[in-house]
Amino acid sequence: MSPSLADLRPGQAAEIVSIDCDRRISRRLMEMGLLPGTRVRLIRLAPLGDPLELRLRGYALSVRRAEAIQIGTRSQETD
């Protein structure tokens, strides 16, 4: 299995390769722009590690760790 969004460190970028959540949740994530092939960067974690703040498609998005664990990624070089 590929690393998940939850495995990223702040500043690290990745490409989404899969979303393995419940159908209702995965549809909502995709509506917010988290689609396979999308490049995302982890901006920061909340103090207790949940939620995660991501930067994608020119905007910031926060997702729960529970969903981030189910989103598979492929590592990208940082800019």
PDB file of N, CA and C in Angstrom:
ATOM      1  N   MET A   1       0.839  -1.187   0.000  1.00  0.00           N
ATOM      2  CA  MET A   1       0.000   0.000   0.000  1.00  0.00           C
ATOM      3  C   MET A   1       0.882   1.247   0.000  1.00  0.00           C
ATOM      4  N   SER A   2       0.411   2.284  -0.698  1.00  0.00           N
ATOM      5  CA  SER A   2       1.177   3.528  -0.783  1.00  0.00           C
ATOM      6  C   SER A   2       1.035   4.330   0.507  1.00  0.00           C
ATOM      7  N   PRO A   3       1.980   5.228   0.765  1.00  0.00           N
ATOM      8  CA  PRO A   3       1.869   6.079   1.957  1.00  0.00           C
ATOM      9  C   PRO A   3       0.608   6.943   1.861  1.00  0.00           C
ATOM     10  N   SER A   4       0.091   7.337   2.992  1.00  0.00           N
ATOM     11  CA  SER A   4      -1.133   8.143   3.020  1.00  0.00           C
ATOM     12  C   SER A   4      -0.818   9.618   3.248  1.00  0.00           C
ATOM     13  N   LEU A   5      -1.840  10.453   3.104  1.00  0.00           N
ATOM     14  CA  LEU A   5      -1.671  11.878   3.414  1.00  0.00           C
ATOM     15  C   LEU A   5      -1.219  12.069   4.852  1.00  0.00           C
ATOM     16  N   ALA A   6      -1.680  11.215   5.742  1.00  0.00           N
ATOM     17  CA  ALA A   6      -1.321  11.324   7.163  1.00  0.00           C
ATOM     18  C   ALA A   6       0.164  11.060   7.401  1.00  0.00           C
ATOM     19  N   ASP A   7       0.852  10.442   6.444  1.00  0.00           N
ATOM     20  CA  ASP A   7       2.279  10.151   6.587  1.00  0.00           C
ATOM     21  C   ASP A   7       3.177  11.319   6.181  1.00  0.00           C
ATOM     22  N   LEU A   8       2.593  12.343   5.549  1.00  0.00           N
ATOM     23  CA  LEU A   8       3.397  13.495   5.117  1.00  0.00           C
ATOM     24  C   LEU A   8       3.873  14.316   6.302  1.00  0.00           C
ATOM     25  N   ARG A   9       5.011  14.978   6.110  1.00  0.00           N
ATOM     26  CA  ARG A   9       5.529  15.930   7.089  1.00  0.00           C
ATOM     27  C   ARG A   9       5.231  17.340   6.585  1.00  0.00           C
ATOM     28  N   PRO A  10       5.110  18.315   7.473  1.00  0.00           N
ATOM     29  CA  PRO A  10       4.854  19.689   7.023  1.00  0.00           C
ATOM     30  C   PRO A  10       5.868  20.136   5.970  1.00  0.00           C
ATOM     31  N   GLY A  11       5.352  20.719   4.883  1.00  0.00           N
ATOM     32  CA  GLY A  11       6.186  21.166   3.776  1.00  0.00           C
ATOM     33  C   GLY A  11       6.349  20.125   2.686  1.00  0.00           C
ATOM     34  N   GLN A  12       6.021  18.893   2.963  1.00  0.00           N
ATOM     35  CA  GLN A  12       6.191  17.811   1.996  1.00  0.00           C
ATOM     36  C   GLN A  12       5.013  17.780   1.026  1.00  0.00           C
ATOM     37  N   ALA A  13       5.305  17.525  -0.250  1.00  0.00           N
ATOM     38  CA  ALA A  13       4.286  17.450  -1.288  1.00  0.00           C
ATOM     39  C   ALA A  13       4.106  16.010  -1.738  1.00  0.00           C
ATOM     40  N   ALA A  14       2.905  15.717  -2.253  1.00  0.00           N
ATOM     41  CA  ALA A  14       2.606  14.380  -2.757  1.00  0.00           C
ATOM     42  C   ALA A  14       1.502  14.481  -3.794  1.00  0.00           C
ATOM     43  N   GLU A  15       1.363  13.426  -4.576  1.00  0.00           N
ATOM     44  CA  GLU A  15       0.287  13.314  -5.550  1.00  0.00           C
ATOM     45  C   GLU A  15      -0.698  12.273  -5.043  1.00  0.00           C
ATOM     46  N   ILE A  16      -1.959  12.571  -5.101  1.00  0.00           N
ATOM     47  CA  ILE A  16      -2.980  11.623  -4.660  1.00  0.00           C
ATOM     48  C   ILE A  16      -3.092  10.513  -5.689  1.00  0.00           C
ATOM     49  N   VAL A  17      -3.069   9.264  -5.224  1.00  0.00           N
ATOM     50  CA  VAL A  17      -3.210   8.125  -6.131  1.00  0.00           C
ATOM     51  C   VAL A  17      -4.484   7.323  -5.871  1.00  0.00           C
ATOM     52  N   SER A  18      -5.040   7.400  -4.657  1.00  0.00           N
ATOM     53  CA  SER A  18      -6.262   6.649  -4.366  1.00  0.00           C
ATOM     54  C   SER A  18      -6.993   7.253  -3.174  1.00  0.00           C
ATOM     55  N   ILE A  19      -8.309   7.021  -3.148  1.00  0.00           N
ATOM     56  CA  ILE A  19      -9.136   7.421  -2.019  1.00  0.00           C
ATOM     57  C   ILE A  19      -9.968   6.206  -1.645  1.00  0.00           C
ATOM     58  N   ASP A  20      -9.682   5.628  -0.481  1.00  0.00           N
ATOM     59  CA  ASP A  20     -10.308   4.373  -0.067  1.00  0.00           C
ATOM     60  C   ASP A  20     -11.226   4.555   1.134  1.00  0.00           C
ATOM     61  N   CYS A  21     -12.042   5.596   1.119  1.00  0.00           N
ATOM     62  CA  CYS A  21     -12.983   5.880   2.201  1.00  0.00           C
ATOM     63  C   CYS A  21     -14.354   5.315   1.859  1.00  0.00           C
ATOM     64  N   ASP A  22     -15.247   5.451   2.812  1.00  0.00           N
ATOM     65  CA  ASP A  22     -16.658   5.205   2.575  1.00  0.00           C
ATOM     66  C   ASP A  22     -17.098   6.040   1.359  1.00  0.00           C
ATOM     67  N   ARG A  23     -17.986   5.505   0.553  1.00  0.00           N
ATOM     68  CA  ARG A  23     -18.388   6.169  -0.692  1.00  0.00           C
ATOM     69  C   ARG A  23     -18.870   7.605  -0.474  1.00  0.00           C
ATOM     70  N   ARG A  24     -19.658   7.835   0.545  1.00  0.00           N
ATOM     71  CA  ARG A  24     -20.179   9.179   0.831  1.00  0.00           C
ATOM     72  C   ARG A  24     -19.039  10.145   1.158  1.00  0.00           C
ATOM     73  N   ILE A  25     -18.094   9.691   1.967  1.00  0.00           N
ATOM     74  CA  ILE A  25     -16.962  10.545   2.349  1.00  0.00           C
ATOM     75  C   ILE A  25     -16.029  10.768   1.164  1.00  0.00           C
ATOM     76  N   SER A  26     -15.736   9.714   0.399  1.00  0.00           N
ATOM     77  CA  SER A  26     -14.838   9.877  -0.744  1.00  0.00           C
ATOM     78  C   SER A  26     -15.445  10.817  -1.782  1.00  0.00           C
ATOM     79  N   ARG A  27     -16.754  10.770  -1.980  1.00  0.00           N
ATOM     80  CA  ARG A  27     -17.403  11.687  -2.917  1.00  0.00           C
ATOM     81  C   ARG A  27     -17.236  13.134  -2.438  1.00  0.00           C
ATOM     82  N   ARG A  28     -17.418  13.361  -1.144  1.00  0.00           N
ATOM     83  CA  ARG A  28     -17.276  14.715  -0.591  1.00  0.00           C
ATOM     84  C   ARG A  28     -15.834  15.214  -0.727  1.00  0.00           C
ATOM     85  N   LEU A  29     -14.860  14.349  -0.452  1.00  0.00           N
ATOM     86  CA  LEU A  29     -13.452  14.725  -0.604  1.00  0.00           C
ATOM     87  C   LEU A  29     -13.138  15.084  -2.057  1.00  0.00           C
ATOM     88  N   MET A  30     -13.678  14.299  -2.995  1.00  0.00           N
ATOM     89  CA  MET A  30     -13.440  14.580  -4.407  1.00  0.00           C
ATOM     90  C   MET A  30     -14.109  15.883  -4.828  1.00  0.00           C
ATOM     91  N   GLU A  31     -15.288  16.188  -4.266  1.00  0.00           N
ATOM     92  CA  GLU A  31     -15.943  17.470  -4.558  1.00  0.00           C
ATOM     93  C   GLU A  31     -15.094  18.645  -4.088  1.00  0.00           C
ATOM     94  N   MET A  32     -14.296  18.427  -3.038  1.00  0.00           N
ATOM     95  CA  MET A  32     -13.428  19.487  -2.517  1.00  0.00           C
ATOM     96  C   MET A  32     -12.095  19.553  -3.257  1.00  0.00           C
ATOM     97  N   GLY A  33     -11.899  18.710  -4.281  1.00  0.00           N
ATOM     98  CA  GLY A  33     -10.704  18.784  -5.105  1.00  0.00           C
ATOM     99  C   GLY A  33      -9.672  17.710  -4.866  1.00  0.00           C
ATOM    100  N   LEU A  34      -9.911  16.803  -3.932  1.00  0.00           N
ATOM    101  CA  LEU A  34      -8.957  15.723  -3.667  1.00  0.00           C
ATOM    102  C   LEU A  34      -9.222  14.568  -4.631  1.00  0.00           C
ATOM    103  N   LEU A  35      -8.678  14.694  -5.840  1.00  0.00           N
ATOM    104  CA  LEU A  35      -8.864  13.705  -6.893  1.00  0.00           C
ATOM    105  C   LEU A  35      -7.541  13.004  -7.183  1.00  0.00           C
ATOM    106  N   PRO A  36      -7.585  11.744  -7.632  1.00  0.00           N
ATOM    107  CA  PRO A  36      -6.334  11.105  -8.058  1.00  0.00           C
ATOM    108  C   PRO A  36      -5.636  11.961  -9.107  1.00  0.00           C
ATOM    109  N   GLY A  37      -4.337  12.131  -8.935  1.00  0.00           N
ATOM    110  CA  GLY A  37      -3.536  12.965  -9.825  1.00  0.00           C
ATOM    111  C   GLY A  37      -3.331  14.379  -9.310  1.00  0.00           C
ATOM    112  N   THR A  38      -4.051  14.771  -8.278  1.00  0.00           N
ATOM    113  CA  THR A  38      -3.920  16.115  -7.712  1.00  0.00           C
ATOM    114  C   THR A  38      -2.682  16.207  -6.832  1.00  0.00           C
ATOM    115  N   ARG A  39      -1.920  17.279  -6.991  1.00  0.00           N
ATOM    116  CA  ARG A  39      -0.735  17.523  -6.157  1.00  0.00           C
ATOM    117  C   ARG A  39      -1.170  18.293  -4.913  1.00  0.00           C
ATOM    118  N   VAL A  40      -0.767  17.806  -3.743  1.00  0.00           N
ATOM    119  CA  VAL A  40      -1.088  18.457  -2.472  1.00  0.00           C
ATOM    120  C   VAL A  40       0.192  18.665  -1.674  1.00  0.00           C
ATOM    121  N   ARG A  41       0.155  19.653  -0.790  1.00  0.00           N
ATOM    122  CA  ARG A  41       1.273  19.905   0.119  1.00  0.00           C
ATOM    123  C   ARG A  41       0.703  20.027   1.524  1.00  0.00           C
ATOM    124  N   LEU A  42       1.340  19.347   2.478  1.00  0.00           N
ATOM    125  CA  LEU A  42       0.937  19.474   3.872  1.00  0.00           C
ATOM    126  C   LEU A  42       1.528  20.766   4.408  1.00  0.00           C
ATOM    127  N   ILE A  43       0.651  21.671   4.827  1.00  0.00           N
ATOM    128  CA  ILE A  43       1.094  22.968   5.352  1.00  0.00           C
ATOM    129  C   ILE A  43       1.447  22.837   6.830  1.00  0.00           C
ATOM    130  N   ARG A  44       0.512  22.308   7.606  1.00  0.00           N
ATOM    131  CA  ARG A  44       0.766  22.135   9.046  1.00  0.00           C
ATOM    132  C   ARG A  44      -0.255  21.193   9.648  1.00  0.00           C
ATOM    133  N   LEU A  45       0.078  20.750  10.854  1.00  0.00           N
ATOM    134  CA  LEU A  45      -0.811  19.906  11.649  1.00  0.00           C
ATOM    135  C   LEU A  45      -1.326  20.727  12.818  1.00  0.00           C
ATOM    136  N   ALA A  46      -2.532  20.432  13.255  1.00  0.00           N
ATOM    137  CA  ALA A  46      -3.045  21.053  14.477  1.00  0.00           C
ATOM    138  C   ALA A  46      -2.188  20.560  15.647  1.00  0.00           C
ATOM    139  N   PRO A  47      -2.203  21.250  16.781  1.00  0.00           N
ATOM    140  CA  PRO A  47      -1.341  20.877  17.905  1.00  0.00           C
ATOM    141  C   PRO A  47      -1.424  19.402  18.322  1.00  0.00           C
ATOM    142  N   LEU A  48      -2.582  18.791  18.237  1.00  0.00           N
ATOM    143  CA  LEU A  48      -2.705  17.374  18.606  1.00  0.00           C
ATOM    144  C   LEU A  48      -2.647  16.459  17.390  1.00  0.00           C
ATOM    145  N   GLY A  49      -2.271  17.012  16.221  1.00  0.00           N
ATOM    146  CA  GLY A  49      -2.110  16.203  15.016  1.00  0.00           C
ATOM    147  C   GLY A  49      -3.378  16.003  14.210  1.00  0.00           C
ATOM    148  N   ASP A  50      -4.460  16.642  14.582  1.00  0.00           N
ATOM    149  CA  ASP A  50      -5.724  16.472  13.874  1.00  0.00           C
ATOM    150  C   ASP A  50      -6.518  17.759  13.974  1.00  0.00           C
ATOM    151  N   PRO A  51      -6.892  18.403  12.897  1.00  0.00           N
ATOM    152  CA  PRO A  51      -6.807  18.025  11.489  1.00  0.00           C
ATOM    153  C   PRO A  51      -5.471  18.423  10.850  1.00  0.00           C
ATOM    154  N   LEU A  52      -5.357  18.078   9.559  1.00  0.00           N
ATOM    155  CA  LEU A  52      -4.190  18.425   8.750  1.00  0.00           C
ATOM    156  C   LEU A  52      -4.596  19.541   7.805  1.00  0.00           C
ATOM    157  N   GLU A  53      -3.747  20.541   7.644  1.00  0.00           N
ATOM    158  CA  GLU A  53      -4.025  21.608   6.684  1.00  0.00           C
ATOM    159  C   GLU A  53      -3.234  21.338   5.416  1.00  0.00           C
ATOM    160  N   LEU A  54      -3.938  21.266   4.303  1.00  0.00           N
ATOM    161  CA  LEU A  54      -3.347  20.974   3.002  1.00  0.00           C
ATOM    162  C   LEU A  54      -3.470  22.187   2.091  1.00  0.00           C
ATOM    163  N   ARG A  55      -2.560  22.288   1.127  1.00  0.00           N
ATOM    164  CA  ARG A  55      -2.649  23.300   0.077  1.00  0.00           C
ATOM    165  C   ARG A  55      -2.774  22.523  -1.235  1.00  0.00           C
ATOM    166  N   LEU A  56      -3.840  22.798  -1.986  1.00  0.00           N
ATOM    167  CA  LEU A  56      -4.044  22.168  -3.277  1.00  0.00           C
ATOM    168  C   LEU A  56      -4.866  23.092  -4.156  1.00  0.00           C
ATOM    169  N   ARG A  57      -4.614  23.055  -5.448  1.00  0.00           N
ATOM    170  CA  ARG A  57      -5.387  23.826  -6.423  1.00  0.00           C
ATOM    171  C   ARG A  57      -5.540  25.300  -6.040  1.00  0.00           C
ATOM    172  N   GLY A  58      -4.547  25.860  -5.329  1.00  0.00           N
ATOM    173  CA  GLY A  58      -4.553  27.273  -4.991  1.00  0.00           C
ATOM    174  C   GLY A  58      -5.349  27.647  -3.748  1.00  0.00           C
ATOM    175  N   TYR A  59      -5.774  26.690  -2.954  1.00  0.00           N
ATOM    176  CA  TYR A  59      -6.490  27.011  -1.720  1.00  0.00           C
ATOM    177  C   TYR A  59      -6.076  26.060  -0.605  1.00  0.00           C
ATOM    178  N   ALA A  60      -6.432  26.427   0.622  1.00  0.00           N
ATOM    179  CA  ALA A  60      -6.114  25.604   1.794  1.00  0.00           C
ATOM    180  C   ALA A  60      -7.348  24.783   2.162  1.00  0.00           C
ATOM    181  N   LEU A  61      -7.113  23.542   2.591  1.00  0.00           N
ATOM    182  CA  LEU A  61      -8.178  22.630   2.971  1.00  0.00           C
ATOM    183  C   LEU A  61      -7.730  21.870   4.202  1.00  0.00           C
ATOM    184  N   SER A  62      -8.605  21.754   5.186  1.00  0.00           N
ATOM    185  CA  SER A  62      -8.307  20.953   6.372  1.00  0.00           C
ATOM    186  C   SER A  62      -9.095  19.656   6.306  1.00  0.00           C
ATOM    187  N   VAL A  63      -8.422  18.535   6.581  1.00  0.00           N
ATOM    188  CA  VAL A  63      -9.077  17.227   6.604  1.00  0.00           C
ATOM    189  C   VAL A  63      -8.733  16.515   7.903  1.00  0.00           C
ATOM    190  N   ARG A  64      -9.638  15.686   8.345  1.00  0.00           N
ATOM    191  CA  ARG A  64      -9.401  14.897   9.551  1.00  0.00           C
ATOM    192  C   ARG A  64      -8.354  13.828   9.287  1.00  0.00           C
ATOM    193  N   ARG A  65      -7.621  13.492  10.309  1.00  0.00           N
ATOM    194  CA  ARG A  65      -6.607  12.446  10.195  1.00  0.00           C
ATOM    195  C   ARG A  65      -7.238  11.126   9.757  1.00  0.00           C
ATOM    196  N   ALA A  66      -8.445  10.821  10.258  1.00  0.00           N
ATOM    197  CA  ALA A  66      -9.116   9.564   9.902  1.00  0.00           C
ATOM    198  C   ALA A  66      -9.325   9.447   8.389  1.00  0.00           C
ATOM    199  N   GLU A  67      -9.658  10.550   7.725  1.00  0.00           N
ATOM    200  CA  GLU A  67      -9.808  10.525   6.271  1.00  0.00           C
ATOM    201  C   GLU A  67      -8.439  10.543   5.581  1.00  0.00           C
ATOM    202  N   ALA A  68      -7.501  11.319   6.117  1.00  0.00           N
ATOM    203  CA  ALA A  68      -6.168  11.424   5.519  1.00  0.00           C
ATOM    204  C   ALA A  68      -5.464  10.067   5.464  1.00  0.00           C
ATOM    205  N   ILE A  69      -5.711   9.224   6.447  1.00  0.00           N
ATOM    206  CA  ILE A  69      -5.102   7.883   6.480  1.00  0.00           C
ATOM    207  C   ILE A  69      -5.573   7.046   5.298  1.00  0.00           C
ATOM    208  N   GLN A  70      -6.768   7.311   4.804  1.00  0.00           N
ATOM    209  CA  GLN A  70      -7.359   6.508   3.737  1.00  0.00           C
ATOM    210  C   GLN A  70      -7.108   7.064   2.339  1.00  0.00           C
ATOM    211  N   ILE A  71      -6.282   8.110   2.235  1.00  0.00           N
ATOM    212  CA  ILE A  71      -5.951   8.719   0.949  1.00  0.00           C
ATOM    213  C   ILE A  71      -4.509   8.367   0.602  1.00  0.00           C
ATOM    214  N   GLY A  72      -4.344   7.507  -0.389  1.00  0.00           N
ATOM    215  CA  GLY A  72      -3.015   7.053  -0.801  1.00  0.00           C
ATOM    216  C   GLY A  72      -2.303   8.114  -1.626  1.00  0.00           C
ATOM    217  N   THR A  73      -0.988   8.211  -1.464  1.00  0.00           N
ATOM    218  CA  THR A  73      -0.206   9.237  -2.159  1.00  0.00           C
ATOM    219  C   THR A  73       1.049   8.646  -2.787  1.00  0.00           C
ATOM    220  N   ARG A  74       1.644   9.434  -3.664  1.00  0.00           N
ATOM    221  CA  ARG A  74       2.965   9.159  -4.242  1.00  0.00           C
ATOM    222  C   ARG A  74       3.799  10.387  -3.939  1.00  0.00           C
ATOM    223  N   SER A  75       4.938  10.201  -3.324  1.00  0.00           N
ATOM    224  CA  SER A  75       5.798  11.301  -2.896  1.00  0.00           C
ATOM    225  C   SER A  75       6.240  12.162  -4.080  1.00  0.00           C
ATOM    226  N   GLN A  76       6.360  13.468  -3.819  1.00  0.00           N
ATOM    227  CA  GLN A  76       6.819  14.451  -4.804  1.00  0.00           C
ATOM    228  C   GLN A  76       7.999  15.197  -4.202  1.00  0.00           C
ATOM    229  N   GLU A  77       8.841  15.739  -5.046  1.00  0.00           N
ATOM    230  CA  GLU A  77       9.930  16.579  -4.564  1.00  0.00           C
ATOM    231  C   GLU A  77       9.354  17.892  -4.053  1.00  0.00           C
ATOM    232  N   THR A  78       9.960  18.457  -3.002  1.00  0.00           N
ATOM    233  CA  THR A  78       9.513  19.761  -2.501  1.00  0.00           C
ATOM    234  C   THR A  78      10.119  20.860  -3.349  1.00  0.00           C
ATOM    235  N   ASP A  79       9.400  21.987  -3.448  1.00  0.00           N
ATOM    236  CA  ASP A  79       9.887  23.126  -4.237  1.00  0.00           C
ATOM    237  C   ASP A  79      10.807  23.979  -3.430  1.00  0.00           C
TER     238      ASP A  79
END
